Amino acid sequence: MTSCLPLRLPRHLLAPLALALLAAGCAVGPDYQRPATAEVAAFKESGDWVIAAPADMLDRGPWWTLFGDPVLNELAARVEVSNQNVAIAVASYAQARALVREQRASLFPLVTLNGGASRARSGGNTSTGTTGRVGNNYQLSIGGSWEPDVWNRLGRAVDAASAGAQASAADLASAKLSAQGELAANYFALRQTDAQKGLLERTLEGFQRSVEITQNRYTAGIVAKTDVLQAQTQLANAQADNAGLVRQRAQLEHAIAVLVGEAPGNFSLPPVAWNPSVPDIPVGVPSTLLQRRPDIAAAERRVATANEQIGIAKSAYYPNISLSASAGTGASRVADLFSAPSLIWSLGLSAAQVLFDAGTTRARVDGATASYDQAVARYRQTVLVAFQDVEDQLAATRVLRVQQELRRQASEAADQVEQQVLNRYRAGQVGYTEVIAAQATALSARRALVQAMADRQTTAVALIQSLGGGWQAAQQP
């Protein structure tokens, strides 16, 4: 589209200048409108399980404080300062802001100052030996040039750069949210591993006593050698599982070190008591997701950037107009440079129009339009994936809450069975195979309960990330 505001100009102005000023204020290319996306009234998986909570819970600063873990609070705060992926995003944002300033500077005239001095000989004849006159020449001038933003090409370039900077700011928020979410997930996995290790170490003590009991009963001739071998096998397998947890914990600790910007060799995280707190996350309505997710905001801003590129490409259909002016002086002596008779000045206006380019401009417009269509499709796909993420995490949260309670009941029942079977074995009522089966079942139930509690924490982190953390689109510059 082309929109132009008519201007009333004095008659004494030159016609070309009048034409340029009349055209200034015209804009080519489409006006930007945010693309339409899927409209959803409510999240299907939310149900009524979410306990009422303040609607601005996730807007009160660091979201990880909802878990009430001081160690996690300290580590998460270090991510924003020391994480190198975040540092990359910070530098990218600074680069985008510099590009905005560069594009904005093109809206203003360019002013230059030139000076020079030369010495030359003239009128001499080498054949006769006549020496010519030697003279000095000094010049000093100040000039300016300006390209009026006739078709709003420069203005659209500024708008495109501004939208790009806003997208970069959203990318920075996404990088922070991703790194902080990964840190929280790794931290909870490490605490889960510590809990699993503590559980397994207590179980190993029981398995060790079982080996001693069977060995004593074998020595007394009450049981066969196979009971001792079964008890030893079970103990060795549990010890191997414990060694695997040691390896897993080391890897998680190393990952956390990198996330907070430290070398793994200089970082350690001692075990502490695990308190698997799971906060209730306020979900809100789906429409707020478009403002809360930084990746959605970044995709939308890139649509705006692509829209401005269409206008920039279309401006090539119209002539380029530029204004120039200069004032200067020239003299044979420096003292005469600033005298009135030596002053010279000039004003100029130029226009250039491409008459034939074999379809180059049209191809660029088509390319910019196709790029815009791609950006729109990416934006809509990002929105759909965001809705899916939230629905997935809501469903997982609801199911895991029920699952944890069932795991707890199963663990308590398995503990009772283990104790009863062990007592019956000591009384000689059952074989050791039943003891092995009861102990294995009880250990599996305990570990499944720990896993369910950890899964709820990890899912809570994933839900917060799906909702955009504490970020808001209004925070964009």
Foldseek 3Di string as FASTA:
>chain_A
DKDFDADDDDPVDDPVVNVQVRLQRIADFDDDDFDDFDDDWFFPLQPPPFDDDPPQQLQPPFNVCLFVDVVLVVLLVLLCVAAVLLVVLVVVLVVLVVQLVVLVVLQDKDKDKDKDKDKDFDDADVVVPRGGDIFMKIKIKMKIKHFRCSHCLSVLSSLLSQLQSLLSVLVSLLSSLVLSLVLLLLVLVLLLLVVLLVLLVVLLVVLVVQLVVVVVCVVVVNDDVVLNVLSVVLSVVSVVVSVVSVVVNLVSQCVSCNSSNHHSVVDDDDHDDDDLGFGRDDQDGLVQLCFQRSNLSSLSSNLSSLSSQLRNLVCLQAKTKMKMKMKMFMDRDPVCRPDPVGIDMDIDMDIDHDDDDPCPSVVSNVVSVVSSVVSSVVSNVVSVVLSVLLSVLSNVLVVLVVVLVVLVVQLVVLVVLLVVVVVCVVVVNDDSVSNSVSSVSNSVSVSVNSVSSSSNRSSSSSNCNSSNRNGGSVPRD
